[in-house]
C-alpha cells in the first residue's frame, strides 16, 4: 500500500460513486464500533427491533439490508476499475502495463485480506473469507475480460452463476452433498481443502466465483457512464428490475434460495439488482440533478476507504476500540451514565475519531491506495 499526496480533481469524478463508496464505508465503520449491537439490544421489545435486524446478516435463507454491503463494495470497485483503466489508457499505458499494475494491486488486496484474519489470540491463522481477499480475485477477472464486448461479458457472468449451481448441486461429495445446507455444502468442502477448517458462520471462500459478477457488472456500468450515451439511467433501471425479478423468482419458486453466506446465484442476481438500483438513484439525484452540497462528510471517508477499512478491522478490533471505550466509559461513569447510553456514546466516540483521522488525511491531501 502506498500513499499519494495530490489534489483530487473533483469536477472530473463521478460524485455518485464517491458518495456510495463513502456511504458504505461509514456504515462499515459504525458497525465495527459495535453500535448496531448496542442499538439492537436497546430496542428489544420495541417496534425498532426488527428495523435494527436489517443491520445484521440474515442467518441463512433470506435477505437483510446488511447483506447488500459487500456486493455494493465489490460493485463500486468494478465501476472504479473502468475509470482507472480509462485514465491509464489516456496516459498511454499498454494492456500489459495495466495488467501488471492490476495484478500487483490484486496481490496487495489478497495480502491485506489474509492479514486481516491472520493474527488471533491463539496464534496465526490462514483464512480466505475477508472481502479484500474475495475482491483480489473478482478484480482480476473483471480486468481480464474488460475489453470484451458487453454481450460476451454478460454471458460470462451467466457462466459463473451456472458454474456455481453445478458445483453445489452435482459434485456429490459424501458429507458435503447438500447444496444449500450450512456446514454440508460444496463450499465448506473446498474450505477444508484450502484452509483445513469450516467457518462456523457458514461463509465460504469460493463466494469469489459468483460475486465476480458484481465487479464485472460494476465495470460495465463504469463503461456506460464513460460512454457518449445520453440516457444512462434507463438501461441501469431495466437491468436492475430484471435482476430483482429473476433473483426473487428463483427464491420464491424454491429453485435456488437467496443465501448470502454462500453467495447463491439467486442472491448474487438480486443483490446486483439492488446495487444497480441504488447507483441509478444516486447518479440521477447527484450527478444529473446536481445535488452535491452535502457529500463532503461521506467523501472524506470514501477517499481513504482502504485505510479506514484496514484501520478498524485490524487496529480498531484489536486495540483502539477497547482503549477508547475504556476512556469514554470511565469518564461517563463519573456522572453515573447508565450502561446502555454509555455503550452507544462510546461507539460514537470511536467513529468520530476514525472519521477525524480521515479528515486529517483529506486536509493534508494524503490518499492511500494500492
Protein backbone atom coordinates (compact mmCIF):
# COMPACT_ATOMS: atom_id res chain seq x y z
CA UNK A 1 0.00 0.00 0.00
CA UNK A 2 1.23 3.47 -0.83
CA UNK A 3 0.12 6.98 -0.02
CA UNK A 4 -0.31 9.56 -2.73
CA UNK A 5 -0.36 13.28 -1.97
CA UNK A 6 -2.37 15.21 -4.52
CA UNK A 7 -5.35 17.49 -5.02
CA UNK A 8 -8.15 15.35 -6.43
CA UNK A 9 -9.93 16.84 -9.42
CA UNK A 10 -13.43 16.50 -8.01
CA UNK A 11 -15.00 18.07 -11.08
CA UNK A 12 -13.84 15.11 -13.17
CA UNK A 13 -15.04 12.49 -10.71
CA UNK A 14 -18.33 10.62 -10.62
CA UNK A 15 -19.83 12.19 -7.50
CA UNK A 16 -22.43 9.46 -7.04
CA UNK A 17 -19.67 6.84 -6.98
CA UNK A 18 -17.74 8.80 -4.35
CA UNK A 19 -20.91 9.12 -2.28
CA UNK A 20 -21.83 5.43 -2.46
CA UNK A 21 -18.29 4.36 -1.58
CA UNK A 22 -18.26 6.78 1.35
CA UNK A 23 -21.75 5.72 2.44
CA UNK A 24 -20.71 2.06 2.52
CA UNK A 25 -17.55 2.85 4.46
CA UNK A 26 -19.47 4.94 7.02
CA UNK A 27 -21.84 2.02 7.59
CA UNK A 28 -18.93 -0.41 7.94
CA UNK A 29 -17.09 1.90 10.31
CA UNK A 30 -20.17 2.28 12.51
CA UNK A 31 -20.62 -1.50 12.51
CA UNK A 32 -17.01 -2.00 13.61
CA UNK A 33 -17.63 0.12 16.71
CA UNK A 34 -20.37 -2.25 17.91
CA UNK A 35 -23.04 0.46 17.55
CA UNK A 36 -25.60 -1.76 15.81
CA UNK A 37 -25.32 -4.41 18.51
CA UNK A 38 -25.91 -1.81 21.22
CA UNK A 39 -28.89 -0.30 19.38
CA UNK A 40 -30.34 -3.75 18.71
CA UNK A 41 -30.13 -4.66 22.37
CA UNK A 42 -31.57 -1.31 23.42
CA UNK A 43 -34.53 -1.69 21.02
CA UNK A 44 -35.61 -5.15 22.23
CA UNK A 45 -39.35 -5.23 22.84
CA UNK A 46 -39.96 -2.14 20.68
CA UNK A 47 -41.05 -1.56 17.09
CA UNK A 48 -37.46 -0.58 16.23
CA UNK A 49 -36.03 -4.03 16.97
CA UNK A 50 -37.00 -5.50 13.58
CA UNK A 51 -35.52 -2.44 11.88
CA UNK A 52 -32.22 -2.94 13.68
CA UNK A 53 -32.04 -6.55 12.48
CA UNK A 54 -31.57 -5.15 8.97
CA UNK A 55 -28.08 -4.12 10.09
CA UNK A 56 -27.03 -7.75 10.62
CA UNK A 57 -26.54 -10.55 8.09
CA UNK A 58 -29.50 -12.84 7.61
CA UNK A 59 -28.89 -16.14 9.46
CA UNK A 60 -29.34 -18.15 6.25
CA UNK A 61 -32.17 -18.10 3.69
CA UNK A 62 -33.33 -14.52 3.23
CA UNK A 63 -32.06 -11.02 2.64
CA UNK A 64 -31.31 -8.17 5.01
CA UNK A 65 -30.08 -4.70 4.11
CA UNK A 66 -26.66 -5.57 5.59
CA UNK A 67 -26.30 -8.42 3.10
CA UNK A 68 -26.04 -5.80 0.35
CA UNK A 69 -22.98 -4.05 1.77
CA UNK A 70 -20.30 -6.41 0.42
CA UNK A 71 -21.95 -6.66 -3.04
CA UNK A 72 -22.07 -2.86 -3.08
CA UNK A 73 -18.41 -2.68 -2.11
CA UNK A 74 -17.42 -5.06 -4.93
CA UNK A 75 -19.76 -3.40 -7.42
CA UNK A 76 -18.23 0.01 -6.67
CA UNK A 77 -14.77 -1.49 -7.17
CA UNK A 78 -15.82 -2.52 -10.68
CA UNK A 79 -17.07 0.98 -11.53
CA UNK A 80 -13.80 2.44 -10.22
CA UNK A 81 -11.86 -0.07 -12.33
CA UNK A 82 -13.46 1.28 -15.50
CA UNK A 83 -12.47 4.85 -14.61
CA UNK A 84 -8.96 3.77 -13.64
CA UNK A 85 -8.39 1.89 -16.90
CA UNK A 86 -9.69 4.85 -18.92
CA UNK A 87 -7.19 7.11 -17.13
CA UNK A 88 -4.38 4.63 -17.78
CA UNK A 89 -5.29 4.43 -21.47
CA UNK A 90 -5.19 8.23 -21.74
CA UNK A 91 -1.69 8.13 -20.20
CA UNK A 92 -0.55 5.71 -22.92
CA UNK A 93 -0.43 2.52 -20.84
CA UNK A 94 -0.27 -0.69 -22.84
CA UNK A 95 -2.53 -3.61 -21.91
CA UNK A 96 0.45 -5.41 -20.36
CA UNK A 97 1.38 -2.39 -18.25
CA UNK A 98 -2.20 -2.13 -16.97
CA UNK A 99 -2.24 -5.87 -16.32
CA UNK A 100 0.92 -5.70 -14.23
CA UNK A 101 -0.49 -2.75 -12.28
CA UNK A 102 -3.80 -4.56 -11.68
CA UNK A 103 -2.10 -7.84 -10.81
CA UNK A 104 0.10 -6.06 -8.26
CA UNK A 105 -2.96 -4.38 -6.76
CA UNK A 106 -4.79 -7.71 -6.53
CA UNK A 107 -1.74 -9.21 -4.83
CA UNK A 108 -1.81 -6.50 -2.18
CA UNK A 109 -5.57 -6.90 -1.72
CA UNK A 110 -5.01 -10.61 -1.14
CA UNK A 111 -2.19 -9.92 1.32
CA UNK A 112 -4.19 -7.42 3.40
CA UNK A 113 -7.25 -9.65 3.28
CA UNK A 114 -5.31 -12.60 4.66
CA UNK A 115 -3.53 -10.42 7.23
CA UNK A 116 -6.88 -9.11 8.48
CA UNK A 117 -7.79 -12.57 9.77
CA UNK A 118 -4.27 -13.87 10.35
CA UNK A 119 -3.44 -12.68 13.86
CA UNK A 120 -5.60 -14.31 16.51
CA UNK A 121 -5.16 -14.61 20.30
CA UNK A 122 -4.39 -18.31 19.90
CA UNK A 123 -1.81 -17.70 17.16
CA UNK A 124 -1.62 -17.22 13.40
CA UNK A 125 -4.46 -18.30 11.15
CA UNK A 126 -4.83 -18.64 7.37
CA UNK A 127 -8.32 -17.69 6.22
CA UNK A 128 -9.77 -16.56 2.89
CA UNK A 129 -13.14 -15.13 3.88
CA UNK A 130 -12.27 -11.42 4.01
CA UNK A 131 -13.85 -9.10 1.45
CA UNK A 132 -10.40 -7.90 0.29
CA UNK A 133 -9.32 -11.47 -0.45
CA UNK A 134 -12.51 -12.01 -2.45
CA UNK A 135 -12.04 -8.67 -4.21
CA UNK A 136 -8.50 -9.60 -5.27
CA UNK A 137 -9.99 -12.43 -7.36
CA UNK A 138 -13.03 -10.59 -8.72
CA UNK A 139 -10.98 -7.54 -9.74
CA UNK A 140 -8.52 -9.66 -11.69
CA UNK A 141 -11.35 -11.47 -13.51
CA UNK A 142 -13.10 -8.17 -14.31
CA UNK A 143 -9.84 -6.78 -15.72
CA UNK A 144 -9.09 -9.82 -17.88
CA UNK A 145 -12.44 -9.59 -19.67
CA UNK A 146 -12.75 -5.80 -19.56
CA UNK A 147 -12.17 -5.33 -23.30
CA UNK A 148 -14.70 -7.97 -24.29
CA UNK A 149 -17.95 -6.99 -25.92
CA UNK A 150 -20.67 -6.29 -23.30
CA UNK A 151 -22.75 -9.23 -24.55
CA UNK A 152 -19.86 -11.64 -24.04
CA UNK A 153 -19.21 -10.25 -20.57
CA UNK A 154 -22.86 -10.81 -19.63
CA UNK A 155 -22.69 -14.35 -20.99
CA UNK A 156 -19.54 -14.91 -18.92
CA UNK A 157 -21.42 -13.74 -15.82
CA UNK A 158 -24.17 -16.24 -16.59
CA UNK A 159 -21.49 -18.91 -16.95
CA UNK A 160 -20.10 -18.08 -13.49
CA UNK A 161 -23.57 -18.39 -11.97
CA UNK A 162 -24.24 -21.69 -13.76
CA UNK A 163 -20.82 -22.97 -12.67
CA UNK A 164 -21.74 -22.16 -9.07
CA UNK A 165 -25.02 -24.06 -9.42
CA UNK A 166 -23.25 -27.08 -10.91
CA UNK A 167 -20.55 -27.17 -8.22
CA UNK A 168 -23.07 -27.04 -5.39
CA UNK A 169 -25.68 -29.39 -6.90
CA UNK A 170 -23.77 -32.08 -8.77
CA UNK A 171 -20.38 -32.72 -7.14
CA UNK A 172 -21.98 -35.16 -4.65
CA UNK A 173 -19.08 -35.35 -2.19
CA UNK A 174 -20.04 -37.52 0.82
CA UNK A 175 -20.85 -35.30 3.78
CA UNK A 176 -20.92 -32.22 1.54
CA UNK A 177 -23.67 -33.13 -0.90
CA UNK A 178 -26.41 -30.88 0.47
CA UNK A 179 -26.13 -27.82 -1.79
CA UNK A 180 -27.91 -25.27 0.39
CA UNK A 181 -27.33 -26.68 3.89
CA UNK A 182 -24.92 -24.95 6.26
CA UNK A 183 -21.72 -26.92 7.03
CA UNK A 184 -22.60 -29.61 4.47
CA UNK A 185 -22.21 -27.92 1.07
CA UNK A 186 -19.52 -27.87 -1.60
CA UNK A 187 -18.16 -24.51 -0.42
CA UNK A 188 -17.49 -25.98 3.03
CA UNK A 189 -15.64 -28.88 1.39
CA UNK A 190 -13.37 -26.54 -0.58
CA UNK A 191 -12.62 -24.61 2.62
CA UNK A 192 -11.44 -27.85 4.23
CA UNK A 193 -9.05 -28.34 1.32
CA UNK A 194 -7.80 -24.74 1.26
CA UNK A 195 -7.73 -23.94 4.98
CA UNK A 196 -8.40 -27.21 6.79
CA UNK A 197 -11.37 -25.58 8.54
CA UNK A 198 -15.01 -24.64 8.04
CA UNK A 199 -16.36 -21.24 9.00
CA UNK A 200 -18.86 -21.57 11.86
CA UNK A 201 -20.92 -18.77 10.36
CA UNK A 202 -21.26 -20.59 7.04
CA UNK A 203 -19.09 -18.27 4.94
CA UNK A 204 -17.13 -19.91 2.12
CA UNK A 205 -14.07 -18.84 0.13
CA UNK A 206 -15.49 -19.76 -3.28
CA UNK A 207 -18.00 -16.95 -2.94
CA UNK A 208 -15.46 -15.13 -5.11
CA UNK A 209 -16.70 -17.11 -8.14
CA UNK A 210 -20.33 -15.91 -8.24
CA UNK A 211 -19.59 -12.49 -6.74
CA UNK A 212 -17.15 -11.78 -9.56
CA UNK A 213 -20.43 -10.93 -11.31
CA UNK A 214 -20.76 -7.87 -9.06
CA UNK A 215 -17.35 -6.50 -10.07
CA UNK A 216 -17.82 -7.30 -13.76
CA UNK A 217 -21.23 -5.60 -13.71
CA UNK A 218 -19.66 -2.62 -11.97
CA UNK A 219 -17.03 -2.35 -14.71
CA UNK A 220 -19.76 -2.49 -17.38
CA UNK A 221 -21.65 0.24 -15.52
CA UNK A 222 -18.50 2.35 -15.41
CA UNK A 223 -18.14 1.92 -19.18
CA UNK A 224 -21.72 3.11 -19.61
CA UNK A 225 -21.06 6.23 -17.55
CA UNK A 226 -17.93 6.94 -19.60
CA UNK A 227 -19.74 6.45 -22.91
CA UNK A 228 -21.47 9.11 -25.01
CA UNK A 229 -24.88 7.59 -24.32
CA UNK A 230 -27.37 10.34 -23.47
CA UNK A 231 -29.65 8.19 -21.32
CA UNK A 232 -27.57 6.31 -18.80
CA UNK A 233 -30.22 5.77 -16.12
CA UNK A 234 -32.80 3.89 -18.19
CA UNK A 235 -30.62 0.84 -19.10
CA UNK A 236 -29.47 0.60 -15.48
CA UNK A 237 -33.06 0.59 -14.22
CA UNK A 238 -34.09 -2.03 -16.77
CA UNK A 239 -31.19 -4.29 -15.74
CA UNK A 240 -31.94 -3.66 -12.07
CA UNK A 241 -35.58 -4.73 -12.34
CA UNK A 242 -34.67 -7.78 -14.44
CA UNK A 243 -32.14 -8.87 -11.79
CA UNK A 244 -34.55 -8.24 -8.90
CA UNK A 245 -37.37 -10.15 -10.61
CA UNK A 246 -35.13 -13.08 -11.59
CA UNK A 247 -33.43 -13.34 -8.20
CA UNK A 248 -36.59 -13.23 -6.12
CA UNK A 249 -38.36 -15.60 -8.55
CA UNK A 250 -35.61 -18.20 -8.10
CA UNK A 251 -36.10 -17.92 -4.34
CA UNK A 252 -39.90 -17.98 -4.07
CA UNK A 253 -40.15 -20.91 -6.50
CA UNK A 254 -37.62 -22.81 -4.33
CA UNK A 255 -35.29 -23.36 -7.27
CA UNK A 256 -32.34 -21.62 -5.63
CA UNK A 257 -32.72 -19.95 -2.22
CA UNK A 258 -31.29 -16.50 -1.52
CA UNK A 259 -28.33 -17.22 0.79
CA UNK A 260 -25.69 -14.54 1.22
CA UNK A 261 -23.27 -16.71 3.20
CA UNK A 262 -22.62 -19.00 0.22
CA UNK A 263 -23.49 -16.39 -2.44
CA UNK A 264 -26.08 -18.49 -4.27
CA UNK A 265 -26.90 -17.44 -7.81
CA UNK A 266 -30.25 -16.01 -6.68
CA UNK A 267 -28.51 -13.93 -4.01
CA UNK A 268 -25.89 -12.70 -6.47
CA UNK A 269 -28.54 -11.68 -9.01
CA UNK A 270 -30.90 -9.98 -6.57
CA UNK A 271 -28.11 -8.13 -4.74
CA UNK A 272 -26.80 -6.91 -8.10
CA UNK A 273 -30.28 -5.62 -8.84
CA UNK A 274 -30.28 -3.58 -5.63
CA UNK A 275 -26.76 -2.26 -6.40
CA UNK A 276 -27.86 -1.13 -9.86
CA UNK A 277 -31.00 0.46 -8.45
CA UNK A 278 -29.04 2.25 -5.74
CA UNK A 279 -26.43 3.65 -8.11
CA UNK A 280 -29.12 4.65 -10.61
CA UNK A 281 -30.88 6.73 -7.97
CA UNK A 282 -27.63 8.27 -6.70
CA UNK A 283 -26.47 9.10 -10.23
CA UNK A 284 -29.83 10.71 -11.06
CA UNK A 285 -30.01 12.66 -7.80
CA UNK A 286 -26.35 13.69 -7.50
CA UNK A 287 -24.82 13.83 -10.98
CA UNK A 288 -27.87 14.72 -13.08
CA UNK A 289 -29.84 16.92 -10.66
CA UNK A 290 -26.53 18.20 -9.19
CA UNK A 291 -27.36 17.72 -5.51
CA UNK A 292 -23.74 17.71 -4.32
CA UNK A 293 -23.88 20.15 -1.43
CA UNK A 294 -23.75 17.72 1.49
CA UNK A 295 -21.49 14.98 0.13
CA UNK A 296 -18.29 16.00 1.89
CA UNK A 297 -18.99 14.00 5.07
CA UNK A 298 -19.07 10.78 3.03
CA UNK A 299 -16.40 11.88 0.54
CA UNK A 300 -13.86 12.36 3.33
CA UNK A 301 -14.08 8.76 4.48
CA UNK A 302 -14.66 7.33 0.98
CA UNK A 303 -11.46 8.88 -0.41
CA UNK A 304 -9.46 6.82 2.08
CA UNK A 305 -11.67 3.74 2.12
CA UNK A 306 -8.79 1.26 2.13
CA UNK A 307 -7.02 2.99 5.01
CA UNK A 308 -10.06 3.23 7.25
CA UNK A 309 -11.18 -0.33 6.46
CA UNK A 310 -7.80 -1.77 7.45
CA UNK A 311 -7.67 0.52 10.48
CA UNK A 312 -10.96 -0.52 12.03
CA UNK A 313 -10.55 -4.17 11.02
CA UNK A 314 -7.01 -4.60 12.35
CA UNK A 315 -6.14 -1.78 14.75
CA UNK A 316 -9.66 -0.96 15.90
CA UNK A 317 -10.77 -4.50 16.57
CA UNK A 318 -7.58 -5.48 18.40
CA UNK A 319 -6.79 -2.33 20.40
CA UNK A 320 -8.27 1.07 19.51
CA UNK A 321 -11.95 0.29 20.21
CA UNK A 322 -11.23 -1.14 23.65
CA UNK A 323 -8.89 1.70 24.57
CA UNK A 324 -11.32 4.47 23.59
CA UNK A 325 -14.23 2.64 25.21
CA UNK A 326 -12.30 2.36 28.46
CA UNK A 327 -11.60 6.11 28.47
CA UNK A 328 -15.10 7.25 27.48
CA UNK A 329 -16.86 4.76 29.78
CA UNK A 330 -14.62 5.75 32.66
CA UNK A 331 -15.44 9.42 32.21
CA UNK A 332 -19.17 8.77 31.89
CA UNK A 333 -19.09 6.58 34.96
CA UNK A 334 -18.10 9.66 36.97
CA UNK A 335 -21.51 11.18 36.23
CA UNK A 336 -23.40 7.86 36.55
CA UNK A 337 -24.43 7.44 32.92
CA UNK A 338 -26.45 4.17 32.52
CA UNK A 339 -24.73 1.25 30.83
CA UNK A 340 -26.64 1.28 27.52
CA UNK A 341 -26.23 5.02 26.75
CA UNK A 342 -22.62 4.66 27.86
CA UNK A 343 -22.02 1.88 25.31
CA UNK A 344 -23.75 3.78 22.49
CA UNK A 345 -21.84 7.01 23.21
CA UNK A 346 -18.55 5.09 23.36
CA UNK A 347 -19.22 3.62 19.91
CA UNK A 348 -19.98 7.07 18.53
CA UNK A 349 -16.75 8.41 20.07
CA UNK A 350 -14.78 5.70 18.27
CA UNK A 351 -16.46 6.57 14.97
CA UNK A 352 -15.87 10.32 15.38
CA UNK A 353 -12.17 9.71 16.00
CA UNK A 354 -11.89 7.42 12.98
CA UNK A 355 -13.69 9.94 10.77
CA UNK A 356 -11.40 12.64 12.12
CA UNK A 357 -8.36 10.61 11.04
CA UNK A 358 -9.77 10.51 7.52
CA UNK A 359 -10.50 14.25 7.70
CA UNK A 360 -6.88 14.92 8.69
CA UNK A 361 -5.64 12.87 5.72
CA UNK A 362 -8.14 14.60 3.44
CA UNK A 363 -6.97 18.06 4.52
CA UNK A 364 -3.34 17.00 4.01
CA UNK A 365 -4.32 15.58 0.59
CA UNK A 366 -2.98 12.15 1.55
CA UNK A 367 -4.87 9.26 -0.04
CA UNK A 368 -3.84 5.64 0.46
CA UNK A 369 -4.27 3.25 -2.42
CA UNK A 370 -2.87 0.01 -3.76
